Amino acid sequence: MNKDKNCTACHTENCEKSGGWNYRMIRTDDGDEFFFQIYEVYYDKSGKPHSWSAEPISPGGDTPVTVGEDISLMFKAITLPPFIILSDATGKKQHLSEIQVNQATGENKG
């Protein structure tokens, strides 16, 4: 799985890879500090994430109601375990891994 900044073909219903998408939190680590942001995450048909948005997502829509609906979908991301971005040994391929964190501190559980 690669972080695919231009993965638009697989975000259509007709694509063989498409298993849907949702908003998810991704934690980035900067030394001793953690930072959580919401991204669009895209899944293959088996439910495994295969790509995510290059940048964090801001709520938006064409009416105030659709902005509210987008915020509601983003809020659901907070109830799911966050992901972290891991790289393979070469550093060229990245994938997402779900982690369990302390909700108050953002630190890994266990």
Foldseek 3Di string as FASTA:
>chain_A
DAADQPPPVQADPPDQFFCHKAKAWEWDDDDPDIDIAIWIFTGGVVRFTDYIHPDGDDQDDDDPVSSVVSVVRNVVNLVAFHWYWDADPVRHGIGIDGFDADSVGRHGDD
